[in-house]
Amino acid sequence: MKTHDLKCWPIYFRPMRSGNKTFEVRKNDRGYQPGDLLVLHEWDQATQRYSGNRIIAGPVTFIGYDLPGLQNGYVAMCFAELRFLDA
């Protein structure tokens, strides 16, 4: 099991925070595996700063590699749990 610290833009962070988004799509450049944890740090591209809000997503329960509409080299990941750590 690995822990991956990742930037997450507000446009994707907020729906996850509200419970409307329960998956994450990422470039598969880290060798994601079932059981991994993702720590998503809310990142504001305009200010180039972290908000301090975080989501711990995991463990990863499912990884889709060749899903329709998914760009080559990307994966879609589902989680068993989401924990929110607000600044």
PDB file of N, CA and C in Angstrom:
ATOM      1  N   MET A   1       0.836  -1.182   0.000  1.00  0.00           N
ATOM      2  CA  MET A   1       0.000   0.000   0.000  1.00  0.00           C
ATOM      3  C   MET A   1       0.881   1.245   0.000  1.00  0.00           C
ATOM      4  N   LYS A   2       0.582   2.168  -0.903  1.00  0.00           N
ATOM      5  CA  LYS A   2       1.290   3.442  -0.975  1.00  0.00           C
ATOM      6  C   LYS A   2       0.319   4.569  -0.662  1.00  0.00           C
ATOM      7  N   THR A   3       0.874   5.693  -0.220  1.00  0.00           N
ATOM      8  CA  THR A   3       0.108   6.920  -0.041  1.00  0.00           C
ATOM      9  C   THR A   3       0.606   7.915  -1.078  1.00  0.00           C
ATOM     10  N   HIS A   4      -0.321   8.467  -1.847  1.00  0.00           N
ATOM     11  CA  HIS A   4       0.010   9.406  -2.913  1.00  0.00           C
ATOM     12  C   HIS A   4      -0.529  10.787  -2.538  1.00  0.00           C
ATOM     13  N   ASP A   5       0.346  11.773  -2.400  1.00  0.00           N
ATOM     14  CA  ASP A   5      -0.055  13.157  -2.153  1.00  0.00           C
ATOM     15  C   ASP A   5      -0.224  13.843  -3.495  1.00  0.00           C
ATOM     16  N   LEU A   6      -1.433  14.386  -3.739  1.00  0.00           N
ATOM     17  CA  LEU A   6      -1.770  14.930  -5.046  1.00  0.00           C
ATOM     18  C   LEU A   6      -2.447  16.287  -4.935  1.00  0.00           C
ATOM     19  N   LYS A   7      -2.148  17.174  -5.873  1.00  0.00           N
ATOM     20  CA  LYS A   7      -2.884  18.428  -5.990  1.00  0.00           C
ATOM     21  C   LYS A   7      -4.257  18.118  -6.566  1.00  0.00           C
ATOM     22  N   CYS A   8      -5.252  18.885  -6.116  1.00  0.00           N
ATOM     23  CA  CYS A   8      -6.607  18.716  -6.642  1.00  0.00           C
ATOM     24  C   CYS A   8      -7.231  20.097  -6.812  1.00  0.00           C
ATOM     25  N   TRP A   9      -7.577  20.451  -8.025  1.00  0.00           N
ATOM     26  CA  TRP A   9      -8.174  21.753  -8.293  1.00  0.00           C
ATOM     27  C   TRP A   9      -9.555  21.835  -7.665  1.00  0.00           C
ATOM     28  N   PRO A  10      -9.971  23.028  -7.235  1.00  0.00           N
ATOM     29  CA  PRO A  10     -11.277  23.196  -6.595  1.00  0.00           C
ATOM     30  C   PRO A  10     -12.452  22.658  -7.413  1.00  0.00           C
ATOM     31  N   ILE A  11     -12.386  22.769  -8.729  1.00  0.00           N
ATOM     32  CA  ILE A  11     -13.482  22.288  -9.579  1.00  0.00           C
ATOM     33  C   ILE A  11     -13.729  20.787  -9.393  1.00  0.00           C
ATOM     34  N   TYR A  12     -12.703  20.031  -9.015  1.00  0.00           N
ATOM     35  CA  TYR A  12     -12.835  18.600  -8.752  1.00  0.00           C
ATOM     36  C   TYR A  12     -12.933  18.311  -7.254  1.00  0.00           C
ATOM     37  N   PHE A  13     -12.314  19.150  -6.445  1.00  0.00           N
ATOM     38  CA  PHE A  13     -12.283  18.950  -4.996  1.00  0.00           C
ATOM     39  C   PHE A  13     -13.675  19.155  -4.384  1.00  0.00           C
ATOM     40  N   ARG A  14     -14.345  20.239  -4.777  1.00  0.00           N
ATOM     41  CA  ARG A  14     -15.640  20.586  -4.164  1.00  0.00           C
ATOM     42  C   ARG A  14     -16.706  19.515  -4.369  1.00  0.00           C
ATOM     43  N   PRO A  15     -16.874  18.937  -5.569  1.00  0.00           N
ATOM     44  CA  PRO A  15     -17.876  17.877  -5.712  1.00  0.00           C
ATOM     45  C   PRO A  15     -17.553  16.635  -4.882  1.00  0.00           C
ATOM     46  N   MET A  16     -16.283  16.369  -4.688  1.00  0.00           N
ATOM     47  CA  MET A  16     -15.906  15.248  -3.848  1.00  0.00           C
ATOM     48  C   MET A  16     -16.243  15.571  -2.388  1.00  0.00           C
ATOM     49  N   ARG A  17     -15.952  16.807  -2.003  1.00  0.00           N
ATOM     50  CA  ARG A  17     -16.228  17.251  -0.630  1.00  0.00           C
ATOM     51  C   ARG A  17     -17.717  17.193  -0.311  1.00  0.00           C
ATOM     52  N   SER A  18     -18.556  17.498  -1.295  1.00  0.00           N
ATOM     53  CA  SER A  18     -20.001  17.484  -1.082  1.00  0.00           C
ATOM     54  C   SER A  18     -20.608  16.087  -1.208  1.00  0.00           C
ATOM     55  N   GLY A  19     -19.803  15.097  -1.614  1.00  0.00           N
ATOM     56  CA  GLY A  19     -20.290  13.728  -1.745  1.00  0.00           C
ATOM     57  C   GLY A  19     -20.846  13.396  -3.115  1.00  0.00           C
ATOM     58  N   ASN A  20     -20.770  14.331  -4.052  1.00  0.00           N
ATOM     59  CA  ASN A  20     -21.289  14.083  -5.397  1.00  0.00           C
ATOM     60  C   ASN A  20     -20.297  13.400  -6.327  1.00  0.00           C
ATOM     61  N   LYS A  21     -19.043  13.359  -5.951  1.00  0.00           N
ATOM     62  CA  LYS A  21     -17.999  12.720  -6.772  1.00  0.00           C
ATOM     63  C   LYS A  21     -17.296  11.698  -5.889  1.00  0.00           C
ATOM     64  N   THR A  22     -17.337  10.446  -6.294  1.00  0.00           N
ATOM     65  CA  THR A  22     -16.777   9.372  -5.463  1.00  0.00           C
ATOM     66  C   THR A  22     -15.682   8.592  -6.185  1.00  0.00           C
ATOM     67  N   PHE A  23     -15.027   9.255  -7.107  1.00  0.00           N
ATOM     68  CA  PHE A  23     -13.963   8.620  -7.876  1.00  0.00           C
ATOM     69  C   PHE A  23     -12.931   9.686  -8.219  1.00  0.00           C
ATOM     70  N   GLU A  24     -11.793   9.245  -8.699  1.00  0.00           N
ATOM     71  CA  GLU A  24     -10.751  10.178  -9.143  1.00  0.00           C
ATOM     72  C   GLU A  24     -10.153   9.632 -10.429  1.00  0.00           C
ATOM     73  N   VAL A  25      -9.934  10.508 -11.418  1.00  0.00           N
ATOM     74  CA  VAL A  25      -9.283  10.144 -12.675  1.00  0.00           C
ATOM     75  C   VAL A  25      -7.912  10.801 -12.664  1.00  0.00           C
ATOM     76  N   ARG A  26      -6.893  10.005 -12.915  1.00  0.00           N
ATOM     77  CA  ARG A  26      -5.512  10.505 -12.884  1.00  0.00           C
ATOM     78  C   ARG A  26      -4.686   9.852 -13.975  1.00  0.00           C
ATOM     79  N   LYS A  27      -3.645  10.562 -14.378  1.00  0.00           N
ATOM     80  CA  LYS A  27      -2.646   9.959 -15.257  1.00  0.00           C
ATOM     81  C   LYS A  27      -1.995   8.836 -14.462  1.00  0.00           C
ATOM     82  N   ASN A  28      -1.832   7.700 -15.097  1.00  0.00           N
ATOM     83  CA  ASN A  28      -1.283   6.540 -14.394  1.00  0.00           C
ATOM     84  C   ASN A  28       0.248   6.579 -14.426  1.00  0.00           C
ATOM     85  N   ASP A  29       0.793   7.593 -13.747  1.00  0.00           N
ATOM     86  CA  ASP A  29       2.250   7.761 -13.720  1.00  0.00           C
ATOM     87  C   ASP A  29       2.854   7.413 -12.360  1.00  0.00           C
ATOM     88  N   ARG A  30       2.049   6.833 -11.476  1.00  0.00           N
ATOM     89  CA  ARG A  30       2.528   6.501 -10.133  1.00  0.00           C
ATOM     90  C   ARG A  30       2.338   5.033  -9.779  1.00  0.00           C
ATOM     91  N   GLY A  31       1.851   4.252 -10.715  1.00  0.00           N
ATOM     92  CA  GLY A  31       1.651   2.835 -10.443  1.00  0.00           C
ATOM     93  C   GLY A  31       0.583   2.575  -9.397  1.00  0.00           C
ATOM     94  N   TYR A  32      -0.540   3.270  -9.500  1.00  0.00           N
ATOM     95  CA  TYR A  32      -1.631   3.112  -8.540  1.00  0.00           C
ATOM     96  C   TYR A  32      -2.053   1.648  -8.445  1.00  0.00           C
ATOM     97  N   GLN A  33      -2.366   1.229  -7.225  1.00  0.00           N
ATOM     98  CA  GLN A  33      -2.772  -0.143  -6.969  1.00  0.00           C
ATOM     99  C   GLN A  33      -3.961  -0.166  -6.007  1.00  0.00           C
ATOM    100  N   PRO A  34      -4.809  -1.204  -6.079  1.00  0.00           N
ATOM    101  CA  PRO A  34      -5.842  -1.359  -5.059  1.00  0.00           C
ATOM    102  C   PRO A  34      -5.193  -1.376  -3.670  1.00  0.00           C
ATOM    103  N   GLY A  35      -5.837  -0.714  -2.729  1.00  0.00           N
ATOM    104  CA  GLY A  35      -5.297  -0.618  -1.379  1.00  0.00           C
ATOM    105  C   GLY A  35      -4.557   0.676  -1.117  1.00  0.00           C
ATOM    106  N   ASP A  36      -4.168   1.404  -2.170  1.00  0.00           N
ATOM    107  CA  ASP A  36      -3.460   2.677  -1.998  1.00  0.00           C
ATOM    108  C   ASP A  36      -4.383   3.740  -1.405  1.00  0.00           C
ATOM    109  N   LEU A  37      -3.770   4.750  -0.805  1.00  0.00           N
ATOM    110  CA  LEU A  37      -4.482   5.922  -0.303  1.00  0.00           C
ATOM    111  C   LEU A  37      -4.093   7.134  -1.145  1.00  0.00           C
ATOM    112  N   LEU A  38      -5.062   7.999  -1.409  1.00  0.00           N
ATOM    113  CA  LEU A  38      -4.789   9.264  -2.069  1.00  0.00           C
ATOM    114  C   LEU A  38      -5.067  10.375  -1.072  1.00  0.00           C
ATOM    115  N   VAL A  39      -4.122  11.274  -0.917  1.00  0.00           N
ATOM    116  CA  VAL A  39      -4.347  12.476  -0.117  1.00  0.00           C
ATOM    117  C   VAL A  39      -4.434  13.620  -1.112  1.00  0.00           C
ATOM    118  N   LEU A  40      -5.648  14.132  -1.279  1.00  0.00           N
ATOM    119  CA  LEU A  40      -5.913  15.189  -2.249  1.00  0.00           C
ATOM    120  C   LEU A  40      -5.858  16.530  -1.536  1.00  0.00           C
ATOM    121  N   HIS A  41      -4.940  17.381  -1.957  1.00  0.00           N
ATOM    122  CA  HIS A  41      -4.741  18.706  -1.380  1.00  0.00           C
ATOM    123  C   HIS A  41      -5.376  19.726  -2.319  1.00  0.00           C
ATOM    124  N   GLU A  42      -6.349  20.483  -1.819  1.00  0.00           N
ATOM    125  CA  GLU A  42      -7.011  21.482  -2.656  1.00  0.00           C
ATOM    126  C   GLU A  42      -5.998  22.552  -3.067  1.00  0.00           C
ATOM    127  N   TRP A  43      -5.858  22.753  -4.373  1.00  0.00           N
ATOM    128  CA  TRP A  43      -4.867  23.656  -4.951  1.00  0.00           C
ATOM    129  C   TRP A  43      -5.572  24.686  -5.819  1.00  0.00           C
ATOM    130  N   ASP A  44      -5.341  25.943  -5.547  1.00  0.00           N
ATOM    131  CA  ASP A  44      -5.931  27.027  -6.321  1.00  0.00           C
ATOM    132  C   ASP A  44      -4.937  27.448  -7.397  1.00  0.00           C
ATOM    133  N   GLN A  45      -5.290  27.184  -8.659  1.00  0.00           N
ATOM    134  CA  GLN A  45      -4.379  27.502  -9.750  1.00  0.00           C
ATOM    135  C   GLN A  45      -4.162  29.013  -9.887  1.00  0.00           C
ATOM    136  N   ALA A  46      -5.168  29.818  -9.559  1.00  0.00           N
ATOM    137  CA  ALA A  46      -5.054  31.273  -9.707  1.00  0.00           C
ATOM    138  C   ALA A  46      -4.030  31.860  -8.741  1.00  0.00           C
ATOM    139  N   THR A  47      -4.049  31.402  -7.489  1.00  0.00           N
ATOM    140  CA  THR A  47      -3.135  31.945  -6.478  1.00  0.00           C
ATOM    141  C   THR A  47      -1.864  31.126  -6.329  1.00  0.00           C
ATOM    142  N   GLN A  48      -1.867  29.938  -6.952  1.00  0.00           N
ATOM    143  CA  GLN A  48      -0.729  29.012  -6.836  1.00  0.00           C
ATOM    144  C   GLN A  48      -0.458  28.662  -5.365  1.00  0.00           C
ATOM    145  N   ARG A  49      -1.546  28.423  -4.621  1.00  0.00           N
ATOM    146  CA  ARG A  49      -1.428  28.081  -3.201  1.00  0.00           C
ATOM    147  C   ARG A  49      -2.396  26.957  -2.844  1.00  0.00           C
ATOM    148  N   TYR A  50      -2.016  26.215  -1.804  1.00  0.00           N
ATOM    149  CA  TYR A  50      -2.912  25.226  -1.218  1.00  0.00           C
ATOM    150  C   TYR A  50      -3.875  25.930  -0.270  1.00  0.00           C
ATOM    151  N   SER A  51      -5.111  25.458  -0.210  1.00  0.00           N
ATOM    152  CA  SER A  51      -6.096  26.041   0.701  1.00  0.00           C
ATOM    153  C   SER A  51      -5.923  25.505   2.120  1.00  0.00           C
ATOM    154  N   GLY A  52      -5.288  24.354   2.249  1.00  0.00           N
ATOM    155  CA  GLY A  52      -5.180  23.682   3.537  1.00  0.00           C
ATOM    156  C   GLY A  52      -6.227  22.587   3.695  1.00  0.00           C
ATOM    157  N   ASN A  53      -7.230  22.560   2.801  1.00  0.00           N
ATOM    158  CA  ASN A  53      -8.249  21.505   2.833  1.00  0.00           C
ATOM    159  C   ASN A  53      -7.694  20.251   2.166  1.00  0.00           C
ATOM    160  N   ARG A  54      -8.000  19.111   2.778  1.00  0.00           N
ATOM    161  CA  ARG A  54      -7.523  17.834   2.236  1.00  0.00           C
ATOM    162  C   ARG A  54      -8.625  16.792   2.298  1.00  0.00           C
ATOM    163  N   ILE A  55      -8.514  15.842   1.412  1.00  0.00           N
ATOM    164  CA  ILE A  55      -9.380  14.665   1.428  1.00  0.00           C
ATOM    165  C   ILE A  55      -8.471  13.451   1.409  1.00  0.00           C
ATOM    166  N   ILE A  56      -8.708  12.543   2.336  1.00  0.00           N
ATOM    167  CA  ILE A  56      -8.020  11.256   2.304  1.00  0.00           C
ATOM    168  C   ILE A  56      -8.989  10.277   1.660  1.00  0.00           C
ATOM    169  N   ALA A  57      -8.631   9.805   0.487  1.00  0.00           N
ATOM    170  CA  ALA A  57      -9.472   8.912  -0.293  1.00  0.00           C
ATOM    171  C   ALA A  57      -8.842   7.531  -0.294  1.00  0.00           C
ATOM    172  N   GLY A  58      -9.573   6.584   0.243  1.00  0.00           N
ATOM    173  CA  GLY A  58      -9.030   5.240   0.206  1.00  0.00           C
ATOM    174  C   GLY A  58      -9.469   4.400   1.371  1.00  0.00           C
ATOM    175  N   PRO A  59      -9.096   3.185   1.279  1.00  0.00           N
ATOM    176  CA  PRO A  59      -8.225   2.625   0.254  1.00  0.00           C
ATOM    177  C   PRO A  59      -8.927   2.520  -1.102  1.00  0.00           C
ATOM    178  N   VAL A  60      -8.108   2.533  -2.152  1.00  0.00           N
ATOM    179  CA  VAL A  60      -8.614   2.350  -3.511  1.00  0.00           C
ATOM    180  C   VAL A  60      -9.183   0.940  -3.608  1.00  0.00           C
ATOM    181  N   THR A  61     -10.435   0.838  -4.076  1.00  0.00           N
ATOM    182  CA  THR A  61     -11.086  -0.472  -4.185  1.00  0.00           C
ATOM    183  C   THR A  61     -11.159  -0.974  -5.619  1.00  0.00           C
ATOM    184  N   PHE A  62     -11.099  -0.040  -6.591  1.00  0.00           N
ATOM    185  CA  PHE A  62     -11.232  -0.420  -7.995  1.00  0.00           C
ATOM    186  C   PHE A  62     -10.424   0.548  -8.836  1.00  0.00           C
ATOM    187  N   ILE A  63      -9.741   0.007  -9.830  1.00  0.00           N
ATOM    188  CA  ILE A  63      -9.017   0.830 -10.801  1.00  0.00           C
ATOM    189  C   ILE A  63      -9.455   0.406 -12.190  1.00  0.00           C
ATOM    190  N   GLY A  64     -10.005   1.362 -12.944  1.00  0.00           N
ATOM    191  CA  GLY A  64     -10.410   1.107 -14.318  1.00  0.00           C
ATOM    192  C   GLY A  64      -9.350   1.637 -15.269  1.00  0.00           C
ATOM    193  N   TYR A  65      -8.846   0.764 -16.126  1.00  0.00           N
ATOM    194  CA  TYR A  65      -7.774   1.145 -17.048  1.00  0.00           C
ATOM    195  C   TYR A  65      -8.274   1.451 -18.444  1.00  0.00           C
ATOM    196  N   ASP A  66      -9.173   0.665 -18.961  1.00  0.00           N
ATOM    197  CA  ASP A  66      -9.609   0.790 -20.354  1.00  0.00           C
ATOM    198  C   ASP A  66     -11.104   1.082 -20.427  1.00  0.00           C
ATOM    199  N   LEU A  67     -11.550   2.054 -19.664  1.00  0.00           N
ATOM    200  CA  LEU A  67     -12.967   2.395 -19.645  1.00  0.00           C
ATOM    201  C   LEU A  67     -13.315   3.279 -20.834  1.00  0.00           C
ATOM    202  N   PRO A  68     -14.532   3.142 -21.384  1.00  0.00           N
ATOM    203  CA  PRO A  68     -14.942   3.999 -22.495  1.00  0.00           C
ATOM    204  C   PRO A  68     -14.814   5.480 -22.118  1.00  0.00           C
ATOM    205  N   GLY A  69     -14.213   6.256 -23.002  1.00  0.00           N
ATOM    206  CA  GLY A  69     -14.054   7.689 -22.778  1.00  0.00           C
ATOM    207  C   GLY A  69     -12.834   8.071 -21.960  1.00  0.00           C
ATOM    208  N   LEU A  70     -12.137   7.095 -21.415  1.00  0.00           N
ATOM    209  CA  LEU A  70     -10.950   7.370 -20.601  1.00  0.00           C
ATOM    210  C   LEU A  70      -9.737   7.478 -21.521  1.00  0.00           C
ATOM    211  N   GLN A  71      -9.040   8.580 -21.411  1.00  0.00           N
ATOM    212  CA  GLN A  71      -7.873   8.818 -22.258  1.00  0.00           C
ATOM    213  C   GLN A  71      -6.799   7.771 -21.989  1.00  0.00           C
ATOM    214  N   ASN A  72      -6.088   7.388 -23.027  1.00  0.00           N
ATOM    215  CA  ASN A  72      -5.015   6.405 -22.913  1.00  0.00           C
ATOM    216  C   ASN A  72      -3.987   6.869 -21.876  1.00  0.00           C
ATOM    217  N   GLY A  73      -3.581   5.982 -20.973  1.00  0.00           N
ATOM    218  CA  GLY A  73      -2.591   6.311 -19.959  1.00  0.00           C
ATOM    219  C   GLY A  73      -3.188   6.858 -18.673  1.00  0.00           C
ATOM    220  N   TYR A  74      -4.530   6.946 -18.591  1.00  0.00           N
ATOM    221  CA  TYR A  74      -5.222   7.429 -17.405  1.00  0.00           C
ATOM    222  C   TYR A  74      -6.000   6.292 -16.754  1.00  0.00           C
ATOM    223  N   VAL A  75      -6.273   6.450 -15.460  1.00  0.00           N
ATOM    224  CA  VAL A  75      -7.062   5.473 -14.720  1.00  0.00           C
ATOM    225  C   VAL A  75      -8.171   6.188 -13.954  1.00  0.00           C
ATOM    226  N   ALA A  76      -9.243   5.470 -13.719  1.00  0.00           N
ATOM    227  CA  ALA A  76     -10.321   5.936 -12.848  1.00  0.00           C
ATOM    228  C   ALA A  76     -10.277   5.063 -11.602  1.00  0.00           C
ATOM    229  N   MET A  77     -10.298   5.701 -10.427  1.00  0.00           N
ATOM    230  CA  MET A  77     -10.191   4.966  -9.160  1.00  0.00           C
ATOM    231  C   MET A  77     -11.392   5.234  -8.275  1.00  0.00           C
ATOM    232  N   CYS A  78     -11.902   4.178  -7.652  1.00  0.00           N
ATOM    233  CA  CYS A  78     -12.982   4.272  -6.675  1.00  0.00           C
ATOM    234  C   CYS A  78     -12.404   3.963  -5.296  1.00  0.00           C
ATOM    235  N   PHE A  79     -13.098   4.464  -4.258  1.00  0.00           N
ATOM    236  CA  PHE A  79     -12.578   4.376  -2.890  1.00  0.00           C
ATOM    237  C   PHE A  79     -13.585   3.741  -1.951  1.00  0.00           C
ATOM    238  N   ALA A  80     -13.069   3.146  -0.885  1.00  0.00           N
ATOM    239  CA  ALA A  80     -13.921   2.599   0.154  1.00  0.00           C
ATOM    240  C   ALA A  80     -14.429   3.697   1.085  1.00  0.00           C
ATOM    241  N   GLU A  81     -13.651   4.763   1.235  1.00  0.00           N
ATOM    242  CA  GLU A  81     -13.999   5.803   2.199  1.00  0.00           C
ATOM    243  C   GLU A  81     -13.365   7.126   1.800  1.00  0.00           C
ATOM    244  N   LEU A  82     -14.019   8.214   2.173  1.00  0.00           N
ATOM    245  CA  LEU A  82     -13.467   9.558   2.015  1.00  0.00           C
ATOM    246  C   LEU A  82     -13.480  10.235   3.375  1.00  0.00           C
ATOM    247  N   ARG A  83     -12.347  10.790   3.766  1.00  0.00           N
ATOM    248  CA  ARG A  83     -12.247  11.544   5.021  1.00  0.00           C
ATOM    249  C   ARG A  83     -11.820  12.959   4.684  1.00  0.00           C
ATOM    250  N   PHE A  84     -12.498  13.924   5.305  1.00  0.00           N
ATOM    251  CA  PHE A  84     -12.269  15.333   4.990  1.00  0.00           C
ATOM    252  C   PHE A  84     -11.521  16.012   6.121  1.00  0.00           C
ATOM    253  N   LEU A  85     -10.461  16.714   5.768  1.00  0.00           N
ATOM    254  CA  LEU A  85      -9.650  17.454   6.731  1.00  0.00           C
ATOM    255  C   LEU A  85      -9.618  18.904   6.260  1.00  0.00           C
ATOM    256  N   ASP A  86     -10.448  19.729   6.876  1.00  0.00           N
ATOM    257  CA  ASP A  86     -10.540  21.131   6.478  1.00  0.00           C
ATOM    258  C   ASP A  86      -9.527  21.976   7.239  1.00  0.00           C
ATOM    259  N   ALA A  87      -9.066  23.024   6.557  1.00  0.00           N
ATOM    260  CA  ALA A  87      -8.096  23.939   7.154  1.00  0.00           C
ATOM    261  C   ALA A  87      -8.694  24.687   8.329  1.00  0.00           C
TER     262      ALA A  87
END
